[in-house]
Protein backbone atom coordinates (compact mmCIF):
# COMPACT_ATOMS: atom_id res chain seq x y z
CA MET A 1 47.64 -0.54 -17.45
CA THR A 2 47.54 -4.22 -16.54
CA ARG A 3 43.86 -4.00 -15.66
CA ALA A 4 43.09 -2.30 -18.98
CA ALA A 5 44.98 -5.00 -20.89
CA THR A 6 43.10 -7.69 -18.98
CA GLU A 7 39.75 -6.10 -19.78
CA LEU A 8 40.65 -5.78 -23.47
CA ARG A 9 41.73 -9.42 -23.53
CA LYS A 10 38.38 -10.42 -21.99
CA LEU A 11 36.50 -8.46 -24.64
CA TYR A 12 38.58 -9.96 -27.44
CA ILE A 13 38.02 -13.52 -26.25
CA TYR A 14 34.33 -12.95 -25.57
CA GLY A 15 33.75 -11.26 -28.92
CA ASN A 16 35.48 -13.99 -30.91
CA GLY A 17 36.04 -11.66 -33.88
CA ARG A 18 32.58 -10.07 -33.93
CA GLN A 19 31.58 -6.53 -33.04
CA LEU A 20 30.19 -6.35 -29.50
CA GLU A 21 27.06 -4.50 -28.47
CA LEU A 22 27.39 -1.73 -25.88
CA ALA A 23 25.35 -3.74 -23.35
CA GLU A 24 27.81 -6.62 -23.67
CA VAL A 25 30.78 -4.34 -23.09
CA LYS A 26 29.14 -2.74 -20.04
CA GLU A 27 28.46 -6.19 -18.62
CA LEU A 28 32.04 -7.36 -19.12
CA VAL A 29 33.95 -4.20 -18.26
CA PRO A 30 33.02 -2.19 -15.19
CA CYS A 31 33.17 1.48 -16.11
CA GLN A 32 32.86 4.80 -14.42
CA THR A 33 29.18 5.47 -14.21
CA GLN A 34 27.67 8.90 -14.09
CA ASN A 35 26.37 8.10 -10.59
CA SER A 36 29.89 7.28 -9.38
CA LEU A 37 31.12 10.64 -10.64
CA GLN A 38 28.11 12.36 -9.07
CA LEU A 39 28.98 10.54 -5.84
CA ALA A 40 32.50 12.00 -5.95
CA SER A 41 31.07 15.51 -6.39
CA ALA A 42 28.57 15.02 -3.56
CA ILE A 43 31.38 13.84 -1.28
CA ARG A 44 33.55 16.85 -2.20
CA GLN A 45 30.63 19.19 -1.51
CA GLY A 46 29.92 17.55 1.85
CA GLU A 47 26.35 16.64 0.82
CA SER A 48 25.81 13.66 3.15
CA ASN A 49 22.17 13.05 2.13
CA GLN A 50 23.09 13.01 -1.56
CA VAL A 51 26.06 10.74 -0.78
CA LEU A 52 23.76 8.24 0.94
CA HIS A 53 21.25 8.34 -1.92
CA LEU A 54 23.85 7.86 -4.67
CA LEU A 55 25.73 5.16 -2.78
CA ASP A 56 22.49 3.31 -2.11
CA ASP A 57 21.65 3.50 -5.81
CA LEU A 58 25.05 2.17 -6.85
CA LEU A 59 24.96 -0.69 -4.35
CA SER A 60 21.35 -1.62 -5.20
CA ARG A 61 22.44 -2.00 -8.83
CA SER A 62 25.20 -4.34 -7.64
CA GLU A 63 27.97 -2.01 -8.74
CA PRO A 64 31.17 -3.71 -7.54
CA LEU A 65 32.71 -1.99 -4.52
CA MET A 66 36.09 -1.93 -6.24
CA VAL A 67 34.64 -0.05 -9.23
CA ILE A 68 33.06 2.56 -6.95
CA VAL A 69 36.27 3.04 -5.00
CA ALA A 70 38.43 3.15 -8.14
CA THR A 71 36.18 5.81 -9.66
CA LEU A 72 36.28 7.91 -6.50
CA LEU A 73 40.04 7.54 -6.18
CA THR A 74 40.59 8.56 -9.81
CA GLN A 75 38.35 11.61 -9.45
CA PHE A 76 39.92 12.77 -6.18
CA ARG A 77 43.43 12.32 -7.62
CA THR A 78 42.49 14.39 -10.66
CA TRP A 79 41.08 17.15 -8.45
CA LEU A 80 44.22 17.04 -6.31
CA TRP A 81 46.49 17.32 -9.36
CA ILE A 82 44.49 20.25 -10.70
CA LYS A 83 44.43 22.06 -7.34
CA SER A 84 48.17 21.41 -6.82
CA ALA A 85 49.00 22.77 -10.25
CA ILE A 86 46.88 25.87 -9.69
CA VAL A 87 48.50 26.49 -6.31
CA SER A 88 51.92 25.99 -7.94
CA GLY A 89 51.14 28.70 -10.45
CA ILE A 90 50.37 26.70 -13.59
CA LYS A 91 47.86 28.87 -15.41
CA LYS A 92 47.52 27.43 -18.92
CA ASP A 93 44.73 24.92 -19.44
CA SER A 94 46.84 23.07 -22.01
CA GLU A 95 49.62 22.52 -19.44
CA LEU A 96 47.11 21.32 -16.85
CA ALA A 97 45.52 18.96 -19.38
CA GLN A 98 48.89 17.47 -20.28
CA MET A 99 49.93 17.11 -16.64
CA CYS A 100 46.67 15.30 -15.77
CA SER A 101 46.58 13.22 -18.97
CA ILE A 102 43.29 14.79 -20.00
CA SER A 103 42.82 14.73 -23.75
CA ASN A 104 40.22 17.51 -23.80
CA PRO A 105 41.72 20.79 -22.52
CA ASN A 106 38.20 22.27 -22.39
CA ARG A 107 37.45 19.92 -19.48
CA ILE A 108 40.10 21.75 -17.44
CA TYR A 109 37.80 24.77 -17.15
CA TYR A 110 35.20 22.64 -15.36
CA LEU A 111 37.78 20.95 -13.17
CA ARG A 112 39.11 24.37 -12.13
CA GLN A 113 35.59 25.40 -11.15
CA GLU A 114 35.07 22.21 -9.16
CA VAL A 115 38.20 22.70 -7.04
CA ALA A 116 38.09 26.49 -6.77
CA ASN A 117 36.73 26.48 -3.20
CA THR A 118 38.18 23.15 -2.14
CA SER A 119 41.13 22.88 0.22
CA ILE A 120 44.21 21.13 -1.13
CA ASN A 121 44.65 19.53 2.31
CA ALA A 122 41.12 18.10 2.20
CA LEU A 123 41.76 16.68 -1.28
CA ALA A 124 45.05 15.11 -0.15
CA LYS A 125 43.36 13.59 2.90
CA ALA A 126 40.52 12.29 0.69
CA VAL A 127 43.00 10.59 -1.66
CA THR A 128 44.72 8.98 1.33
CA MET A 129 41.40 7.76 2.71
CA MET A 130 40.38 6.38 -0.70
CA LEU A 131 43.70 4.51 -0.96
CA ASP A 132 43.06 3.01 2.47
CA LEU A 133 39.54 2.12 1.39
CA GLU A 134 40.85 0.49 -1.77
CA MET A 135 43.12 -1.74 0.34
CA SER A 136 40.20 -2.58 2.65
CA VAL A 137 38.02 -3.61 -0.29
CA LYS A 138 40.83 -5.78 -1.66
CA ARG A 139 40.96 -7.49 1.74
CA GLY A 140 37.23 -8.15 1.67
CA ALA A 141 35.58 -5.09 3.24
CA GLU A 142 31.81 -4.90 2.92
CA SER A 143 29.51 -2.14 1.74
CA LYS A 144 28.94 -0.89 5.31
CA ASP A 145 32.70 -0.25 5.63
CA LEU A 146 32.59 1.65 2.35
CA LEU A 147 29.68 3.72 3.60
CA LEU A 148 31.40 4.71 6.84
CA ILE A 149 34.60 5.82 5.17
CA ILE A 150 32.82 7.69 2.38
CA LEU A 151 30.67 9.54 4.91
CA SER A 152 33.84 10.41 6.85
CA VAL A 153 35.39 11.87 3.70
CA SER A 154 32.19 13.82 3.04
CA ARG A 155 32.30 15.25 6.58
CA LEU A 156 35.94 16.19 6.00
CA PHE A 157 34.93 18.42 3.09
CA LYS A 158 32.00 19.88 5.01
CA LEU A 159 34.40 21.03 7.73
CA THR A 160 36.79 22.77 5.33
């Protein structure tokens, strides 16, 4: 919440009362890119070659490490919540959407499909590893550290 408020404040100050162009917003506010979400899916599927390709693409475009990690962490948490709810017996998409703070209940169908063959233990371990990675990045970890941990998470899913 604090980060969102900070980003909004930056946009307000930068815009100085005028409507901003999308390119300006993208420059000022790091956002979840399609490649970051594809990276999360490749990791979950244990596709090491795809992981390397997508990560290389993100890093070559100077995507901040913290943005990549935050996107991955958010996606793995969402998958974990969905899988946990399914295992707990929650069947209604509307209940799952509310629990995961997803405004579009239709998205739940796709999330269910994504986690259908994924182990809840692997998802929990991935979230833990992403939290550790987030702390490492905050302490100044480099892209090679990110690569090693992400490949480890990918291997985790390949083994399950």
